[in-house]
Amino acid sequence: MMFPSTRGQAPAVGFSQALLQGLAPDGGLYVPTQWPQLGAAAQPAALPELANLLIGAFAAEDPLAAQIPAINADAFSFPAPLKPVGDDAHLRVLELFHGPTAAFKDFGARFLAASLARIPRAGGRVLRILVATSGDTGGAVAAAFHRRPGIEVVVLFPKGLVSPTQQQQLTCWGDNVKSFAVRGSFDDCQRLVKEAFLDQTMRTQVDLSSANSINLGRLLPQAVYYAASSLAIRQQTGSNASYIIPSGNLGNSAACVWARQMGFPIDRIVLAHNANRTVPDFLATGQLLPRPSVATLASAMDVGNPSNLERLLALYPGAAEFAARLAAFSVSDEQIRARIRADHARYGETWCPHTATAAEVHALLPEAERRRQWVIVSTAHPAKFREIVEPLVGEVAVPENLRRLYDLPSSFGELDANLNALRHAIDG
C-alpha cells in the first residue's frame, strides 16, 4: 500500500518511508490510499494478534512486513483492559495507562521505536526524532527510544505548562534523549517541529523523523485498541461500541475514526475537549479558526491548532460532513473538578483530568443517547496529575512504572520558540 500526503503535493511513499519521514515534504500528513475492510470478519483477540491483522494490512509488501509480528509483540506487551463503570450496563472505561509511562501514547511510541530501529538507513546515518509534547507524548517517546543505537531524541515541551510528574518523565532520561523547555505554548513546540522538517540545514548531517501523532507509526497502533474493544463489546452485547475520547492534537481520535473506516463495529465517536474549542466551534459555526492554546487542568489536550484535524478533514471534507460523522464538546476546568469528585463518590473511580473530560461529556448526554454502548477512553493514570486530583479525592496510589522514574535525576535546557534557537540548542 502507498501513502500520499493530505496536501497532494508530494510523492506517495511506502509504509517504511512514511514512518521514517514522519511529515510529508509538502507539510502534509500521510494517509492510506485505501481502507482494508477487516472488521466484518475479525474476531475478539489479544492486542498483538489484532495488531498483526490491522497493521499488517497496511504494511503488506513493505520491507518491514515480515517483522511486523515481532514489532507488535514489543509494542503490545501490556494490556488495555475494558472495564464496567459501576452497575451501568451501557458504560465502560477503556484503560490505556498500563504501559511504561502510564499513558495511552506508550502503544504508538513503542511501535514506532521498534519499527524505526529495524529500518536500515543509508550510510548508517543517525536518526534524530523530534517530538513536541503537551505532556504525555514526550515521556512515552523518550521511554520507547531510550538507548536505542543510532537514534537521538529531542523533546520539546512548553515551559511551565506540564505537570511536575509529566516534566519529570520528560527530563529524566539522559543518554540519547535531550529535553528542552520552550518559552511558549504546545502549538509553538509543534510549529518548531514542522519547521525543522522543512529546513534543509537541519537535514544536512542527520535524518529527521517525528514521533508525534503526525507520524503514521503512532496512529495505526492506536487503532488496534479501538478494534479490540469494539469487537469485545459486539461479542458481549450484540451492539456497536460508541466512544468518548479526550481530544487535543486529535491523533487518538483519528485512530478511532480509522478503525471505524476499516469496518470495525464502532457507532458514534464523540470528541471531548477542554477549553481549547477549535473543533467544537468548527462544528457549531462551520468556520475553522485555529487559535492560541489555553492552559487548562487537562494540559495534554491544550492544543489550539490540532495537527490531525488535517487527516480528519481528508476523510470528511467540510463542516457538514464532519459533523455528520463526529461530535465534539468542550468542558471547563470547573466541570473537570466536579466530575472527578462526583465519579469518585458514585463509582469509586479516580479519573485523571483528561479522562474526566470524557466522563463529563457522557454525563451531559441526553437520556436517550446514553442507551448506546458507551466507552469512556481513559488516557492517563491519575497519579500523573496528583497535584490536581488529590485535593479533590484524597491520596492517589502511584503505580510502580511511575514511581521508579521519580528517583532519576532531571536535566533539560530552555530555548525560545524559534528555529534558530532550536538549531543552536541541538547542534551548538
Protein backbone atom coordinates (compact mmCIF):
# COMPACT_ATOMS: atom_id res chain seq x y z
CA MET A 1 0.00 0.00 0.00
CA MET A 2 1.13 3.55 -0.72
CA PHE A 3 0.60 6.64 1.43
CA PRO A 4 0.06 10.05 -0.20
CA SER A 5 0.15 13.39 1.59
CA THR A 6 -3.07 15.07 2.69
CA ARG A 7 -1.93 18.12 0.68
CA GLY A 8 -1.35 16.21 -2.55
CA GLN A 9 1.91 17.96 -3.44
CA ALA A 10 4.37 15.19 -2.52
CA PRO A 11 5.00 11.72 -3.96
CA ALA A 12 3.20 8.80 -2.32
CA VAL A 13 5.55 6.58 -0.29
CA GLY A 14 5.52 3.09 1.16
CA PHE A 15 4.90 2.14 4.78
CA SER A 16 8.52 2.24 5.99
CA GLN A 17 9.23 5.52 4.26
CA ALA A 18 6.12 7.13 5.74
CA LEU A 19 7.28 6.12 9.22
CA LEU A 20 10.81 7.30 8.57
CA GLN A 21 9.82 10.69 7.13
CA GLY A 22 7.04 11.40 9.64
CA LEU A 23 5.86 14.53 7.82
CA ALA A 24 5.48 14.67 4.03
CA PRO A 25 7.79 17.10 2.15
CA ASP A 26 4.82 19.37 1.33
CA GLY A 27 3.99 19.72 5.03
CA GLY A 28 1.04 17.32 4.84
CA LEU A 29 0.33 14.11 6.75
CA TYR A 30 0.50 10.64 5.26
CA VAL A 31 -2.82 8.82 4.80
CA PRO A 32 -3.67 5.43 3.24
CA THR A 33 -4.79 5.11 -0.37
CA GLN A 34 -7.39 2.52 0.66
CA TRP A 35 -9.10 1.14 3.75
CA PRO A 36 -8.85 -2.66 4.14
CA GLN A 37 -12.22 -3.93 5.34
CA LEU A 38 -11.09 -6.02 8.29
CA GLY A 39 -13.83 -5.59 10.87
CA ALA A 40 -16.54 -7.79 9.38
CA ALA A 41 -14.50 -11.00 9.60
CA ALA A 42 -12.37 -10.18 12.65
CA GLN A 43 -12.95 -11.91 15.98
CA PRO A 44 -12.01 -10.77 19.50
CA ALA A 45 -8.34 -11.48 20.08
CA ALA A 46 -5.30 -10.37 22.06
CA LEU A 47 -3.83 -6.99 21.11
CA PRO A 48 -0.71 -8.34 19.34
CA GLU A 49 -2.83 -10.70 17.23
CA LEU A 50 -5.20 -7.94 16.17
CA ALA A 51 -2.24 -5.65 15.54
CA ASN A 52 -0.81 -8.25 13.14
CA LEU A 53 -4.09 -8.21 11.23
CA LEU A 54 -4.66 -4.46 11.23
CA ILE A 55 -1.16 -3.05 10.83
CA GLY A 56 -0.11 -5.98 8.65
CA ALA A 57 -2.72 -4.96 6.08
CA PHE A 58 -1.06 -1.55 5.70
CA ALA A 59 2.50 -2.89 5.73
CA ALA A 60 1.89 -5.71 3.21
CA GLU A 61 4.69 -5.93 0.61
CA ASP A 62 6.76 -3.36 2.52
CA PRO A 63 10.32 -4.35 3.51
CA LEU A 64 9.16 -4.17 7.14
CA ALA A 65 6.23 -6.57 6.61
CA ALA A 66 7.97 -9.74 7.82
CA GLN A 67 8.99 -8.03 11.06
CA ILE A 68 5.55 -6.67 11.97
CA PRO A 69 4.72 -9.59 14.34
CA ALA A 70 7.96 -9.04 16.29
CA ILE A 71 7.36 -5.29 16.40
CA ASN A 72 3.81 -5.82 17.66
CA ALA A 73 5.00 -8.25 20.33
CA ASP A 74 7.27 -5.45 21.59
CA ALA A 75 4.68 -2.67 21.35
CA PHE A 76 1.64 -4.51 22.76
CA SER A 77 3.29 -6.13 25.77
CA PHE A 78 0.83 -4.65 28.29
CA PRO A 79 -2.99 -4.71 28.43
CA ALA A 80 -5.71 -2.21 27.56
CA PRO A 81 -8.50 -3.51 29.82
CA LEU A 82 -12.14 -2.69 29.16
CA LYS A 83 -13.98 -2.39 32.49
CA PRO A 84 -17.58 -1.71 33.51
CA VAL A 85 -18.26 1.57 35.30
CA GLY A 86 -20.40 0.90 38.35
CA ASP A 87 -23.57 -1.05 37.58
CA ASP A 88 -24.36 0.83 34.35
CA ALA A 89 -24.76 -1.84 31.66
CA HIS A 90 -24.26 0.83 28.99
CA LEU A 91 -20.98 2.30 30.23
CA ARG A 92 -17.39 1.05 30.23
CA VAL A 93 -13.95 2.57 30.58
CA LEU A 94 -11.05 1.64 28.31
CA GLU A 95 -7.89 1.90 30.43
CA LEU A 96 -4.91 2.84 28.28
CA PHE A 97 -2.45 3.69 31.06
CA HIS A 98 -0.84 0.35 31.89
CA GLY A 99 2.33 0.93 29.85
CA PRO A 100 5.78 2.18 30.93
CA THR A 101 4.79 5.85 31.29
CA ALA A 102 1.13 5.33 32.28
CA ALA A 103 -0.37 6.99 29.19
CA PHE A 104 -2.08 5.77 26.01
CA LYS A 105 0.82 7.04 23.94
CA ASP A 106 3.01 4.16 25.10
CA PHE A 107 1.42 1.88 22.49
CA GLY A 108 2.23 4.05 19.48
CA ALA A 109 5.61 5.21 20.78
CA ARG A 110 6.81 1.64 21.35
CA PHE A 111 5.57 0.51 17.94
CA LEU A 112 7.32 3.41 16.23
CA ALA A 113 10.57 2.89 18.13
CA ALA A 114 10.63 -0.84 17.37
CA SER A 115 9.89 -0.11 13.70
CA LEU A 116 12.43 2.66 13.16
CA ALA A 117 15.15 0.62 14.86
CA ARG A 118 14.63 -2.03 12.16
CA ILE A 119 14.62 0.24 9.09
CA PRO A 120 18.11 0.47 7.50
CA ARG A 121 19.46 4.00 6.99
CA ALA A 122 21.84 4.96 4.21
CA GLY A 123 25.44 5.16 5.38
CA GLY A 124 24.46 4.38 8.94
CA ARG A 125 23.33 7.99 9.45
CA VAL A 126 21.97 9.00 12.82
CA LEU A 127 18.18 9.25 13.00
CA ARG A 128 17.03 12.25 15.03
CA ILE A 129 13.48 12.06 16.41
CA LEU A 130 11.85 15.44 17.03
CA VAL A 131 8.81 15.41 19.27
CA ALA A 132 6.60 18.21 20.55
CA THR A 133 4.65 17.33 23.67
CA SER A 134 1.88 18.87 25.73
CA GLY A 135 2.70 16.42 28.50
CA ASP A 136 2.40 12.69 27.76
CA THR A 137 3.83 12.17 24.27
CA GLY A 138 7.37 13.17 25.16
CA GLY A 139 7.61 10.80 28.11
CA ALA A 140 6.28 7.87 26.11
CA VAL A 141 8.64 8.60 23.21
CA ALA A 142 11.64 9.08 25.47
CA ALA A 143 10.96 5.77 27.22
CA ALA A 144 10.44 3.93 23.93
CA PHE A 145 13.59 5.26 22.21
CA HIS A 146 15.90 5.48 25.23
CA ARG A 147 19.33 3.95 24.46
CA ARG A 148 18.33 2.63 21.03
CA PRO A 149 21.54 2.66 18.96
CA GLY A 150 21.81 5.18 16.13
CA ILE A 151 18.78 7.20 17.28
CA GLU A 152 18.69 10.58 19.04
CA VAL A 153 15.54 12.07 20.57
CA VAL A 154 14.79 15.77 21.02
CA VAL A 155 11.78 16.50 23.24
CA LEU A 156 10.19 19.97 23.17
CA PHE A 157 7.68 20.88 25.89
CA PRO A 158 6.06 24.20 26.83
CA LYS A 159 7.81 25.71 29.84
CA GLY A 160 5.60 25.74 32.94
CA LEU A 161 2.63 24.16 31.17
CA VAL A 162 3.05 20.49 32.05
CA SER A 163 2.51 18.83 35.42
CA PRO A 164 5.54 18.23 37.68
CA THR A 165 5.13 14.47 37.18
CA GLN A 166 4.98 14.89 33.42
CA GLN A 167 8.06 17.13 33.43
CA GLN A 168 9.99 14.52 35.39
CA GLN A 169 9.05 11.91 32.78
CA LEU A 170 10.20 14.22 30.00
CA THR A 171 13.57 15.09 31.51
CA CYS A 172 14.88 12.08 33.46
CA TRP A 173 16.38 10.01 30.64
CA GLY A 174 19.72 11.43 29.51
CA ASP A 175 21.90 9.37 27.14
CA ASN A 176 20.38 9.76 23.65
CA VAL A 177 17.41 11.87 24.87
CA LYS A 178 17.64 15.68 25.06
CA SER A 179 14.77 17.69 26.53
CA PHE A 180 14.05 21.40 26.14
CA ALA A 181 11.51 23.67 27.81
CA VAL A 182 10.27 26.03 25.11
CA ARG A 183 9.28 29.55 26.13
CA GLY A 184 5.84 29.32 24.56
CA SER A 185 2.84 27.01 24.15
CA PHE A 186 2.47 23.48 22.83
CA ASP A 187 1.46 25.00 19.50
CA ASP A 188 4.85 26.73 19.39
CA CYS A 189 6.58 23.40 20.06
CA GLN A 190 4.55 21.72 17.32
CA ARG A 191 5.31 24.55 14.88
CA LEU A 192 9.06 24.21 15.57
CA VAL A 193 8.96 20.50 14.73
CA LYS A 194 7.18 21.17 11.44
CA GLU A 195 9.55 24.00 10.54
CA ALA A 196 12.55 21.78 11.28
CA PHE A 197 11.25 19.15 8.86
CA LEU A 198 11.09 21.71 6.06
CA ASP A 199 14.53 23.17 6.86
CA GLN A 200 17.30 21.70 4.70
CA THR A 201 20.05 22.90 7.06
CA MET A 202 18.78 20.63 9.82
CA ARG A 203 18.75 17.65 7.46
CA THR A 204 22.40 18.02 6.39
CA GLN A 205 24.08 15.67 8.84
CA VAL A 206 21.25 13.55 10.24
CA ASP A 207 17.96 12.03 9.14
CA LEU A 208 14.91 13.57 10.78
CA SER A 209 11.68 11.91 11.81
CA SER A 210 8.83 12.74 14.15
CA ALA A 211 7.24 10.72 16.91
CA ASN A 212 4.21 12.96 17.27
CA SER A 213 0.83 11.67 16.15
CA ILE A 214 1.57 13.28 12.78
CA ASN A 215 3.60 10.08 12.24
CA LEU A 216 1.65 7.19 10.73
CA GLY A 217 3.53 4.82 13.04
CA ARG A 218 1.98 6.47 16.09
CA LEU A 219 -1.57 6.46 14.82
CA LEU A 220 -2.06 2.98 13.36
CA PRO A 221 -1.15 1.14 16.61
CA GLN A 222 -3.71 3.26 18.46
CA ALA A 223 -6.40 2.00 16.10
CA VAL A 224 -5.71 -1.51 17.43
CA TYR A 225 -7.20 -0.98 20.88
CA TYR A 226 -10.33 0.52 19.35
CA ALA A 227 -10.63 -2.51 17.08
CA ALA A 228 -10.13 -4.87 20.02
CA SER A 229 -12.54 -3.16 22.42
CA SER A 230 -15.26 -2.73 19.77
CA LEU A 231 -15.09 -6.44 18.90
CA ALA A 232 -15.31 -7.35 22.59
CA ILE A 233 -18.39 -5.17 23.08
CA ARG A 234 -20.05 -6.56 19.95
CA GLN A 235 -19.47 -10.09 21.27
CA GLN A 236 -20.79 -9.22 24.74
CA THR A 237 -23.82 -7.13 23.79
CA GLY A 238 -24.55 -7.60 20.09
CA SER A 239 -24.26 -3.82 19.66
CA ASN A 240 -21.63 -1.49 18.24
CA ALA A 241 -19.45 0.49 20.62
CA SER A 242 -19.54 4.29 20.90
CA TYR A 243 -16.52 6.19 22.21
CA ILE A 244 -15.96 9.45 24.06
CA ILE A 245 -12.32 10.40 23.56
CA PRO A 246 -10.32 13.09 25.37
CA SER A 247 -9.04 15.12 22.42
CA GLY A 248 -6.19 17.55 21.87
CA ASN A 249 -4.00 17.05 18.81
CA LEU A 250 -6.62 14.52 17.57
CA GLY A 251 -4.26 11.59 16.98
CA ASN A 252 -6.14 9.26 19.33
CA SER A 253 -9.46 10.40 17.88
CA ALA A 254 -8.23 9.89 14.31
CA ALA A 255 -7.15 6.36 15.26
CA CYS A 256 -10.70 5.56 16.33
CA VAL A 257 -12.07 7.03 13.10
CA TRP A 258 -9.62 4.94 11.10
CA ALA A 259 -10.71 1.79 12.94
CA ARG A 260 -14.31 2.59 12.01
CA GLN A 261 -13.22 3.14 8.39
CA MET A 262 -11.83 -0.41 8.41
CA GLY A 263 -15.23 -1.81 9.29
CA PHE A 264 -14.81 -2.46 13.00
CA PRO A 265 -18.11 -2.27 14.92
CA ILE A 266 -17.97 1.36 16.03
CA ASP A 267 -21.07 3.56 16.20
CA ARG A 268 -20.69 7.13 17.46
CA ILE A 269 -17.38 8.90 18.08
CA VAL A 270 -17.51 11.94 20.37
CA LEU A 271 -14.52 14.22 20.92
CA ALA A 272 -14.23 15.62 24.45
CA HIS A 273 -12.22 18.86 24.51
CA ASN A 274 -11.21 21.16 27.32
CA ALA A 275 -11.44 24.96 26.97
CA ASN A 276 -9.50 24.77 23.69
CA ARG A 277 -12.57 24.93 21.49
CA THR A 278 -11.21 24.92 17.92
CA VAL A 279 -13.02 21.72 16.90
CA PRO A 280 -16.32 22.24 18.79
CA ASP A 281 -16.53 25.77 17.38
CA PHE A 282 -15.81 24.47 13.88
CA LEU A 283 -18.76 22.08 14.14
CA ALA A 284 -21.00 24.76 15.63
CA THR A 285 -20.21 27.53 13.14
CA GLY A 286 -18.75 25.85 10.07
CA GLN A 287 -15.69 28.08 10.33
CA LEU A 288 -12.29 26.63 11.13
CA LEU A 289 -10.41 29.16 13.25
CA PRO A 290 -7.26 27.80 14.93
CA ARG A 291 -6.22 30.00 17.83
CA PRO A 292 -3.56 30.14 20.55
CA SER A 293 -3.93 27.35 23.07
CA VAL A 294 -5.35 27.99 26.54
CA ALA A 295 -3.81 26.41 29.66
CA THR A 296 -6.21 24.05 31.48
CA LEU A 297 -6.20 21.27 34.07
CA ALA A 298 -6.19 18.74 31.20
CA SER A 299 -2.83 20.04 29.97
CA ALA A 300 -2.06 17.28 27.46
CA MET A 301 -5.10 18.48 25.49
CA ASP A 302 -4.12 22.16 25.42
CA VAL A 303 -3.95 22.42 21.63
CA GLY A 304 -5.33 25.34 19.63
CA ASN A 305 -4.32 24.13 16.17
CA PRO A 306 -4.62 20.32 16.15
CA SER A 307 -2.45 18.65 13.50
CA ASN A 308 -4.60 15.57 12.94
CA LEU A 309 -7.60 17.69 12.04
CA GLU A 310 -5.98 17.64 8.60
CA ARG A 311 -6.35 13.85 8.46
CA LEU A 312 -9.97 14.01 9.61
CA LEU A 313 -10.81 16.64 7.03
CA ALA A 314 -9.23 14.46 4.35
CA LEU A 315 -11.92 11.90 5.21
CA TYR A 316 -14.77 14.29 5.95
CA PRO A 317 -14.25 17.50 3.93
CA GLY A 318 -16.24 20.45 5.18
CA ALA A 319 -18.08 21.09 8.42
CA ALA A 320 -21.36 19.42 7.38
CA GLU A 321 -19.84 16.04 6.52
CA PHE A 322 -17.52 16.27 9.53
CA ALA A 323 -20.45 16.95 11.86
CA ALA A 324 -22.42 14.06 10.36
CA ARG A 325 -19.69 11.60 11.40
CA LEU A 326 -18.27 13.14 14.60
CA ALA A 327 -19.45 15.22 17.53
CA ALA A 328 -17.32 17.48 19.72
CA PHE A 329 -17.94 19.15 23.08
CA SER A 330 -15.97 21.45 25.35
CA VAL A 331 -15.57 21.06 29.12
CA SER A 332 -14.40 23.71 31.59
CA ASP A 333 -11.90 23.27 34.43
CA GLU A 334 -14.77 23.64 36.91
CA GLN A 335 -16.61 20.77 35.24
CA ILE A 336 -13.45 18.64 35.27
CA ARG A 337 -13.02 19.13 39.02
CA ALA A 338 -16.69 18.43 39.70
CA ARG A 339 -16.65 15.26 37.59
CA ILE A 340 -13.55 13.90 39.34
CA ARG A 341 -15.33 14.36 42.68
CA ALA A 342 -18.69 13.01 41.51
CA ASP A 343 -17.46 9.82 39.85
CA HIS A 344 -15.10 9.05 42.71
CA ALA A 345 -18.07 9.27 45.08
CA ARG A 346 -20.53 7.42 42.82
CA TYR A 347 -18.36 4.74 41.19
CA GLY A 348 -15.17 4.65 43.24
CA GLU A 349 -13.29 5.63 40.07
CA THR A 350 -10.41 8.11 40.14
CA TRP A 351 -10.04 9.92 36.82
CA CYS A 352 -7.15 11.97 35.53
CA PRO A 353 -8.31 15.42 34.28
CA HIS A 354 -8.33 14.19 30.66
CA THR A 355 -10.45 11.14 31.40
CA ALA A 356 -12.73 13.41 33.43
CA THR A 357 -13.47 15.49 30.31
CA ALA A 358 -14.80 12.36 28.62
CA ALA A 359 -16.74 11.32 31.73
CA GLU A 360 -18.31 14.79 31.93
CA VAL A 361 -19.39 14.68 28.28
CA HIS A 362 -21.02 11.30 28.92
CA ALA A 363 -22.86 12.68 31.95
CA LEU A 364 -24.24 15.52 29.80
CA LEU A 365 -25.64 13.23 27.09
CA PRO A 366 -29.44 13.11 26.76
CA GLU A 367 -31.02 10.07 28.40
CA ALA A 368 -31.94 8.51 25.05
CA GLU A 369 -28.35 8.79 23.85
CA ARG A 370 -27.00 7.06 26.94
CA ARG A 371 -28.66 3.80 25.90
CA ARG A 372 -25.85 3.16 23.43
CA GLN A 373 -22.86 1.07 24.50
CA TRP A 374 -20.57 3.90 25.57
CA VAL A 375 -16.85 3.71 26.26
CA ILE A 376 -15.03 6.44 28.18
CA VAL A 377 -11.43 6.43 26.96
CA SER A 378 -9.06 6.78 29.92
CA THR A 379 -5.83 8.15 28.51
CA ALA A 380 -3.59 8.57 31.58
CA HIS A 381 -3.22 7.32 35.14
CA PRO A 382 -4.45 9.86 37.73
CA ALA A 383 -1.12 9.63 39.57
CA LYS A 384 0.41 11.68 36.77
CA PHE A 385 -1.76 14.58 37.95
CA ARG A 386 -1.64 14.20 41.73
CA GLU A 387 -1.41 17.98 42.19
CA ILE A 388 -4.89 18.28 40.67
CA VAL A 389 -6.58 15.04 41.71
CA GLU A 390 -5.51 14.54 45.33
CA PRO A 391 -7.02 17.81 46.68
CA LEU A 392 -10.34 16.60 45.22
CA VAL A 393 -10.48 12.93 46.26
CA GLY A 394 -7.53 12.21 48.54
CA GLU A 395 -4.32 10.27 48.06
CA VAL A 396 -3.75 8.56 44.72
CA ALA A 397 -1.67 5.39 44.68
CA VAL A 398 1.38 5.68 42.41
CA PRO A 399 1.98 2.67 40.14
CA GLU A 400 5.47 1.18 40.11
CA ASN A 401 6.09 2.19 36.49
CA LEU A 402 5.85 5.84 37.54
CA ARG A 403 7.48 5.51 40.94
CA ARG A 404 10.77 4.29 39.53
CA LEU A 405 11.07 7.42 37.36
CA TYR A 406 10.77 9.79 40.31
CA ASP A 407 14.19 8.81 41.65
CA LEU A 408 16.06 9.56 38.41
CA PRO A 409 17.89 12.91 38.04
CA SER A 410 16.24 15.51 35.81
CA SER A 411 18.09 17.53 33.18
CA PHE A 412 16.81 19.87 30.47
CA GLY A 413 17.59 23.09 28.64
CA GLU A 414 15.48 26.10 27.75
CA LEU A 415 15.03 27.83 24.41
CA ASP A 416 12.98 30.49 22.70
CA ALA A 417 10.24 29.43 20.29
CA ASN A 418 12.16 29.96 17.05
CA LEU A 419 14.03 27.71 14.65
CA ASN A 420 17.42 29.37 15.15
CA ALA A 421 17.21 28.72 18.86
CA LEU A 422 16.34 25.08 18.21
CA ARG A 423 19.26 24.65 15.78
CA HIS A 424 21.69 26.16 18.30
CA ALA A 425 20.33 24.10 21.20
CA ILE A 426 20.67 20.81 19.33
CA ASP A 427 23.88 21.28 17.40
CA GLY A 428 25.60 24.15 19.18
